[in-house]
Amino acid sequence: MVPHSTNSLAMYERLRAYFQNKLAMSEAQFEAIKQVLTPKSVRKHELVVWQGEVERHGAFVVKGCLRSYVVADKKGKEHIIQFAPENWWISDQHSMLRGLPAMFSIDAVEDAEVLLFGPDFFPLLQTLGSDFQAFFHTLLQNSMAAMQRRLISTLSATAEERYLEFLQMYPTLVQRLPQRMIAAYLGVTPESLSRIRKELARS
């Protein structure tokens, strides 16, 4: 077996801290999890998942930020679905578990360090005991609830309300992301976002 680099070991320790903050975990359980993860450094703009191709892995973000997005027209306009900063999971489960073309792309918006996981990862969690089974179901439920809230917000909330929701969901990202990406997530133009920020600053 090839020894893990110092950087890889630090990435695994960040994952250990993440799990230990949520549930009790033995060393044997953590070693089993490590066996199905692959440490990877991802450069800014590097693609992890390609829209239209079968996804082979998702990612747990140790450092940096990833995003999922779709290119919806021939002009290449991007619609950002999700950001994934530190301690977030991101994947196209529909593609990875069913072997279908990915519905969106995933790339890095900053240089990032991630732990990649494949379709065997979540089934493995369910074999590690009741605490991990509960964690797995909570993760899925939270993901579904977040997508439902995002859909309802997109359909019914004002641009200002969507921006305030963005600030609540991603408090660490407002100073890290370019304005055009935040605008693409909100479904507004960068000029409209600038106007919303100025109005909020005055209020």
C-alpha atoms as a PDB file:
ATOM      1  CA  MET A   1       0.000   0.000   0.000  1.00  0.00           C
ATOM      2  CA  VAL A   2       1.315   3.469  -0.905  1.00  0.00           C
ATOM      3  CA  PRO A   3       1.727   5.627   2.259  1.00  0.00           C
ATOM      4  CA  HIS A   4      -0.595   8.596   2.582  1.00  0.00           C
ATOM      5  CA  SER A   5       0.998  12.028   2.223  1.00  0.00           C
ATOM      6  CA  THR A   6       1.005  14.496   5.108  1.00  0.00           C
ATOM      7  CA  ASN A   7      -1.628  16.485   3.223  1.00  0.00           C
ATOM      8  CA  SER A   8      -3.843  13.409   2.805  1.00  0.00           C
ATOM      9  CA  LEU A   9      -3.545  12.584   6.498  1.00  0.00           C
ATOM     10  CA  ALA A  10      -4.641  16.117   7.388  1.00  0.00           C
ATOM     11  CA  MET A  11      -7.650  15.742   5.083  1.00  0.00           C
ATOM     12  CA  TYR A  12      -8.671  12.502   6.788  1.00  0.00           C
ATOM     13  CA  GLU A  13      -8.319  14.141  10.195  1.00  0.00           C
ATOM     14  CA  ARG A  14     -10.693  16.903   9.097  1.00  0.00           C
ATOM     15  CA  LEU A  15     -13.198  14.233   8.092  1.00  0.00           C
ATOM     16  CA  ARG A  16     -12.704  12.455  11.414  1.00  0.00           C
ATOM     17  CA  ALA A  17     -13.463  15.705  13.271  1.00  0.00           C
ATOM     18  CA  TYR A  18     -16.572  16.189  11.101  1.00  0.00           C
ATOM     19  CA  PHE A  19     -17.943  12.750  11.970  1.00  0.00           C
ATOM     20  CA  GLN A  20     -16.999  12.948  15.645  1.00  0.00           C
ATOM     21  CA  ASN A  21     -18.994  16.160  15.903  1.00  0.00           C
ATOM     22  CA  LYS A  22     -22.078  14.260  14.781  1.00  0.00           C
ATOM     23  CA  LEU A  23     -21.816  10.701  16.133  1.00  0.00           C
ATOM     24  CA  ALA A  24     -19.717   8.215  18.081  1.00  0.00           C
ATOM     25  CA  MET A  25     -17.183   6.476  15.850  1.00  0.00           C
ATOM     26  CA  SER A  26     -14.648   3.728  16.504  1.00  0.00           C
ATOM     27  CA  GLU A  27     -11.212   3.566  14.887  1.00  0.00           C
ATOM     28  CA  ALA A  28     -12.302   0.474  12.937  1.00  0.00           C
ATOM     29  CA  GLN A  29     -15.327   2.314  11.541  1.00  0.00           C
ATOM     30  CA  PHE A  30     -13.192   5.246  10.494  1.00  0.00           C
ATOM     31  CA  GLU A  31     -10.643   2.976   8.824  1.00  0.00           C
ATOM     32  CA  ALA A  32     -13.467   1.343   6.841  1.00  0.00           C
ATOM     33  CA  ILE A  33     -14.623   4.782   5.666  1.00  0.00           C
ATOM     34  CA  LYS A  34     -11.099   5.789   4.645  1.00  0.00           C
ATOM     35  CA  GLN A  35     -10.820   2.738   2.388  1.00  0.00           C
ATOM     36  CA  VAL A  36     -13.540   4.050   0.042  1.00  0.00           C
ATOM     37  CA  LEU A  37     -12.315   7.666  -0.128  1.00  0.00           C
ATOM     38  CA  THR A  38      -9.681   9.210  -2.379  1.00  0.00           C
ATOM     39  CA  PRO A  39      -7.915  12.461  -1.402  1.00  0.00           C
ATOM     40  CA  LYS A  40      -7.590  14.926  -4.266  1.00  0.00           C
ATOM     41  CA  SER A  41      -6.435  18.508  -4.746  1.00  0.00           C
ATOM     42  CA  VAL A  42      -8.668  20.335  -7.215  1.00  0.00           C
ATOM     43  CA  ARG A  43      -7.559  23.518  -8.934  1.00  0.00           C
ATOM     44  CA  LYS A  44      -9.833  26.500  -9.424  1.00  0.00           C
ATOM     45  CA  HIS A  45     -12.167  25.917 -12.433  1.00  0.00           C
ATOM     46  CA  GLU A  46     -11.254  22.198 -12.582  1.00  0.00           C
ATOM     47  CA  LEU A  47     -14.231  19.966 -13.325  1.00  0.00           C
ATOM     48  CA  VAL A  48     -15.034  17.092 -10.978  1.00  0.00           C
ATOM     49  CA  VAL A  49     -18.272  16.016 -12.698  1.00  0.00           C
ATOM     50  CA  TRP A  50     -19.311  16.693 -16.303  1.00  0.00           C
ATOM     51  CA  GLN A  51     -22.952  17.364 -17.145  1.00  0.00           C
ATOM     52  CA  GLY A  52     -24.223  14.629 -19.462  1.00  0.00           C
ATOM     53  CA  GLU A  53     -21.653  12.016 -18.436  1.00  0.00           C
ATOM     54  CA  VAL A  54     -22.166   9.274 -15.857  1.00  0.00           C
ATOM     55  CA  GLU A  55     -20.892  10.486 -12.502  1.00  0.00           C
ATOM     56  CA  ARG A  56     -18.349   8.183 -10.868  1.00  0.00           C
ATOM     57  CA  HIS A  57     -17.847  10.118  -7.647  1.00  0.00           C
ATOM     58  CA  GLY A  58     -18.957  12.940  -5.411  1.00  0.00           C
ATOM     59  CA  ALA A  59     -16.898  14.933  -2.934  1.00  0.00           C
ATOM     60  CA  PHE A  60     -16.592  15.916   0.694  1.00  0.00           C
ATOM     61  CA  VAL A  61     -15.011  19.368   0.764  1.00  0.00           C
ATOM     62  CA  VAL A  62     -12.131  19.671   3.216  1.00  0.00           C
ATOM     63  CA  LYS A  63     -10.889  23.058   2.019  1.00  0.00           C
ATOM     64  CA  GLY A  64     -12.086  25.538  -0.595  1.00  0.00           C
ATOM     65  CA  CYS A  65     -15.421  25.559  -2.385  1.00  0.00           C
ATOM     66  CA  LEU A  66     -17.116  23.578  -5.151  1.00  0.00           C
ATOM     67  CA  ARG A  67     -20.354  24.309  -6.992  1.00  0.00           C
ATOM     68  CA  SER A  68     -22.902  22.405  -9.048  1.00  0.00           C
ATOM     69  CA  TYR A  69     -24.396  24.099 -12.099  1.00  0.00           C
ATOM     70  CA  VAL A  70     -26.194  23.511 -15.373  1.00  0.00           C
ATOM     71  CA  VAL A  71     -25.560  25.115 -18.748  1.00  0.00           C
ATOM     72  CA  ALA A  72     -29.103  25.724 -19.926  1.00  0.00           C
ATOM     73  CA  ASP A  73     -28.779  27.194 -23.416  1.00  0.00           C
ATOM     74  CA  LYS A  74     -26.542  27.414 -26.489  1.00  0.00           C
ATOM     75  CA  LYS A  75     -25.088  30.703 -25.264  1.00  0.00           C
ATOM     76  CA  GLY A  76     -23.507  28.881 -22.323  1.00  0.00           C
ATOM     77  CA  LYS A  77     -25.485  30.638 -19.600  1.00  0.00           C
ATOM     78  CA  GLU A  78     -24.861  28.972 -16.247  1.00  0.00           C
ATOM     79  CA  HIS A  79     -27.444  28.368 -13.542  1.00  0.00           C
ATOM     80  CA  ILE A  80     -25.797  27.534 -10.232  1.00  0.00           C
ATOM     81  CA  ILE A  81     -27.674  24.974  -8.140  1.00  0.00           C
ATOM     82  CA  GLN A  82     -25.491  24.632  -5.049  1.00  0.00           C
ATOM     83  CA  PHE A  83     -22.255  25.763  -3.462  1.00  0.00           C
ATOM     84  CA  ALA A  84     -20.281  23.383  -1.269  1.00  0.00           C
ATOM     85  CA  PRO A  85     -17.776  25.059   1.060  1.00  0.00           C
ATOM     86  CA  GLU A  86     -15.826  23.316   3.825  1.00  0.00           C
ATOM     87  CA  ASN A  87     -17.579  20.322   5.479  1.00  0.00           C
ATOM     88  CA  TRP A  88     -20.240  20.069   2.751  1.00  0.00           C
ATOM     89  CA  TRP A  89     -21.018  17.052   0.569  1.00  0.00           C
ATOM     90  CA  ILE A  90     -21.732  17.469  -3.134  1.00  0.00           C
ATOM     91  CA  SER A  91     -22.700  14.918  -5.791  1.00  0.00           C
ATOM     92  CA  ASP A  92     -25.285  13.940  -8.362  1.00  0.00           C
ATOM     93  CA  GLN A  93     -26.719  10.939  -6.533  1.00  0.00           C
ATOM     94  CA  HIS A  94     -29.197  10.242  -9.346  1.00  0.00           C
ATOM     95  CA  SER A  95     -26.324   9.727 -11.769  1.00  0.00           C
ATOM     96  CA  MET A  96     -23.895   7.963  -9.452  1.00  0.00           C
ATOM     97  CA  LEU A  97     -26.315   5.406  -8.020  1.00  0.00           C
ATOM     98  CA  ARG A  98     -28.314   4.714 -11.191  1.00  0.00           C
ATOM     99  CA  GLY A  99     -25.561   4.989 -13.804  1.00  0.00           C
ATOM    100  CA  LEU A 100     -27.412   7.737 -15.675  1.00  0.00           C
ATOM    101  CA  PRO A 101     -25.960  10.899 -17.279  1.00  0.00           C
ATOM    102  CA  ALA A 102     -25.268  13.624 -14.722  1.00  0.00           C
ATOM    103  CA  MET A 103     -27.862  16.399 -14.675  1.00  0.00           C
ATOM    104  CA  PHE A 104     -25.275  19.026 -13.759  1.00  0.00           C
ATOM    105  CA  SER A 105     -21.548  19.721 -13.658  1.00  0.00           C
ATOM    106  CA  ILE A 106     -19.446  20.176 -10.530  1.00  0.00           C
ATOM    107  CA  ASP A 107     -16.283  22.249 -10.494  1.00  0.00           C
ATOM    108  CA  ALA A 108     -14.075  24.176  -8.085  1.00  0.00           C
ATOM    109  CA  VAL A 109     -14.644  27.891  -7.611  1.00  0.00           C
ATOM    110  CA  GLU A 110     -11.496  28.046  -5.466  1.00  0.00           C
ATOM    111  CA  ASP A 111      -8.461  25.802  -5.196  1.00  0.00           C
ATOM    112  CA  ALA A 112      -9.843  22.972  -3.090  1.00  0.00           C
ATOM    113  CA  GLU A 113      -8.953  19.810  -1.231  1.00  0.00           C
ATOM    114  CA  VAL A 114     -11.600  17.106  -1.347  1.00  0.00           C
ATOM    115  CA  LEU A 115     -12.197  13.478  -0.456  1.00  0.00           C
ATOM    116  CA  LEU A 116     -13.824  11.741  -3.404  1.00  0.00           C
ATOM    117  CA  PHE A 117     -16.368   8.975  -2.815  1.00  0.00           C
ATOM    118  CA  GLY A 118     -18.015   6.534  -5.186  1.00  0.00           C
ATOM    119  CA  PRO A 119     -21.386   4.734  -5.289  1.00  0.00           C
ATOM    120  CA  ASP A 120     -20.223   2.306  -2.590  1.00  0.00           C
ATOM    121  CA  PHE A 121     -19.763   5.041   0.036  1.00  0.00           C
ATOM    122  CA  PHE A 122     -23.284   5.611   1.339  1.00  0.00           C
ATOM    123  CA  PRO A 123     -24.198   1.890   1.335  1.00  0.00           C
ATOM    124  CA  LEU A 124     -21.043   1.336   3.411  1.00  0.00           C
ATOM    125  CA  LEU A 125     -22.188   3.897   5.992  1.00  0.00           C
ATOM    126  CA  GLN A 126     -25.384   1.934   6.484  1.00  0.00           C
ATOM    127  CA  THR A 127     -23.403  -1.187   7.401  1.00  0.00           C
ATOM    128  CA  LEU A 128     -21.455   0.564  10.178  1.00  0.00           C
ATOM    129  CA  GLY A 129     -24.214   0.603  12.775  1.00  0.00           C
ATOM    130  CA  SER A 130     -27.382   2.415  13.730  1.00  0.00           C
ATOM    131  CA  ASP A 131     -25.663   5.774  14.334  1.00  0.00           C
ATOM    132  CA  PHE A 132     -24.308   5.809  10.791  1.00  0.00           C
ATOM    133  CA  GLN A 133     -27.655   4.675   9.387  1.00  0.00           C
ATOM    134  CA  ALA A 134     -29.336   7.601  11.144  1.00  0.00           C
ATOM    135  CA  PHE A 135     -26.623   9.955   9.880  1.00  0.00           C
ATOM    136  CA  PHE A 136     -27.109   8.732   6.310  1.00  0.00           C
ATOM    137  CA  HIS A 137     -30.879   9.274   6.432  1.00  0.00           C
ATOM    138  CA  THR A 138     -30.470  12.707   8.017  1.00  0.00           C
ATOM    139  CA  LEU A 139     -28.015  13.684   5.286  1.00  0.00           C
ATOM    140  CA  LEU A 140     -30.453  12.635   2.571  1.00  0.00           C
ATOM    141  CA  GLN A 141     -33.393  14.333   4.278  1.00  0.00           C
ATOM    142  CA  ASN A 142     -31.470  17.571   4.731  1.00  0.00           C
ATOM    143  CA  SER A 143     -30.394  17.515   1.090  1.00  0.00           C
ATOM    144  CA  MET A 144     -33.942  16.962  -0.104  1.00  0.00           C
ATOM    145  CA  ALA A 145     -35.328  19.655   2.193  1.00  0.00           C
ATOM    146  CA  ALA A 146     -32.691  22.142   0.997  1.00  0.00           C
ATOM    147  CA  MET A 147     -33.555  21.478  -2.648  1.00  0.00           C
ATOM    148  CA  GLN A 148     -37.267  21.862  -1.935  1.00  0.00           C
ATOM    149  CA  ARG A 149     -36.676  25.182  -0.150  1.00  0.00           C
ATOM    150  CA  ARG A 150     -34.510  26.349  -3.032  1.00  0.00           C
ATOM    151  CA  LEU A 151     -37.172  25.435  -5.591  1.00  0.00           C
ATOM    152  CA  ILE A 152     -39.928  27.223  -3.669  1.00  0.00           C
ATOM    153  CA  SER A 153     -37.685  30.253  -3.162  1.00  0.00           C
ATOM    154  CA  THR A 154     -36.863  30.402  -6.867  1.00  0.00           C
ATOM    155  CA  LEU A 155     -40.549  30.285  -7.771  1.00  0.00           C
ATOM    156  CA  SER A 156     -41.999  32.633  -5.163  1.00  0.00           C
ATOM    157  CA  ALA A 157     -39.417  34.742  -3.302  1.00  0.00           C
ATOM    158  CA  THR A 158     -38.213  38.169  -4.369  1.00  0.00           C
ATOM    159  CA  ALA A 159     -34.604  38.636  -5.453  1.00  0.00           C
ATOM    160  CA  GLU A 160     -33.875  40.405  -2.173  1.00  0.00           C
ATOM    161  CA  GLU A 161     -35.394  37.536  -0.178  1.00  0.00           C
ATOM    162  CA  ARG A 162     -33.330  35.023  -2.154  1.00  0.00           C
ATOM    163  CA  TYR A 163     -30.172  37.014  -1.423  1.00  0.00           C
ATOM    164  CA  LEU A 164     -30.928  37.080   2.299  1.00  0.00           C
ATOM    165  CA  GLU A 165     -31.491  33.306   2.202  1.00  0.00           C
ATOM    166  CA  PHE A 166     -28.146  32.930   0.440  1.00  0.00           C
ATOM    167  CA  LEU A 167     -26.438  34.889   3.227  1.00  0.00           C
ATOM    168  CA  GLN A 168     -28.048  32.629   5.814  1.00  0.00           C
ATOM    169  CA  MET A 169     -27.128  29.396   4.052  1.00  0.00           C
ATOM    170  CA  TYR A 170     -23.604  30.399   2.999  1.00  0.00           C
ATOM    171  CA  PRO A 171     -22.373  32.972   5.559  1.00  0.00           C
ATOM    172  CA  THR A 172     -18.699  32.309   4.762  1.00  0.00           C
ATOM    173  CA  LEU A 173     -19.004  32.739   0.989  1.00  0.00           C
ATOM    174  CA  VAL A 174     -20.295  36.251   0.384  1.00  0.00           C
ATOM    175  CA  GLN A 175     -16.746  37.689   0.463  1.00  0.00           C
ATOM    176  CA  ARG A 176     -15.169  34.704  -1.308  1.00  0.00           C
ATOM    177  CA  LEU A 177     -17.311  34.367  -4.428  1.00  0.00           C
ATOM    178  CA  PRO A 178     -17.348  36.661  -7.472  1.00  0.00           C
ATOM    179  CA  GLN A 179     -20.564  38.665  -7.781  1.00  0.00           C
ATOM    180  CA  ARG A 180     -21.449  37.007 -11.090  1.00  0.00           C
ATOM    181  CA  MET A 181     -21.587  33.574  -9.406  1.00  0.00           C
ATOM    182  CA  ILE A 182     -23.814  34.760  -6.595  1.00  0.00           C
ATOM    183  CA  ALA A 183     -26.042  36.399  -9.211  1.00  0.00           C
ATOM    184  CA  ALA A 184     -26.181  33.143 -11.205  1.00  0.00           C
ATOM    185  CA  TYR A 185     -27.206  31.284  -8.055  1.00  0.00           C
ATOM    186  CA  LEU A 186     -29.951  33.833  -7.337  1.00  0.00           C
ATOM    187  CA  GLY A 187     -31.177  33.975 -10.923  1.00  0.00           C
ATOM    188  CA  VAL A 188     -30.528  37.714 -11.329  1.00  0.00           C
ATOM    189  CA  THR A 189     -28.052  39.857 -13.243  1.00  0.00           C
ATOM    190  CA  PRO A 190     -24.881  41.098 -11.514  1.00  0.00           C
ATOM    191  CA  GLU A 191     -26.272  44.625 -11.883  1.00  0.00           C
ATOM    192  CA  SER A 192     -29.460  43.659 -10.042  1.00  0.00           C
ATOM    193  CA  LEU A 193     -27.428  42.021  -7.287  1.00  0.00           C
ATOM    194  CA  SER A 194     -25.322  45.165  -6.908  1.00  0.00           C
ATOM    195  CA  ARG A 195     -28.513  47.204  -6.562  1.00  0.00           C
ATOM    196  CA  ILE A 196     -29.902  44.814  -3.918  1.00  0.00           C
ATOM    197  CA  ARG A 197     -26.696  45.065  -1.917  1.00  0.00           C
ATOM    198  CA  LYS A 198     -26.761  48.862  -2.012  1.00  0.00           C
ATOM    199  CA  GLU A 199     -30.417  48.955  -0.911  1.00  0.00           C
ATOM    200  CA  LEU A 200     -29.746  46.587   1.980  1.00  0.00           C
ATOM    201  CA  ALA A 201     -26.706  48.609   3.041  1.00  0.00           C
ATOM    202  CA  ARG A 202     -28.869  51.752   3.210  1.00  0.00           C
ATOM    203  CA  SER A 203     -31.669  50.096   5.203  1.00  0.00           C
END
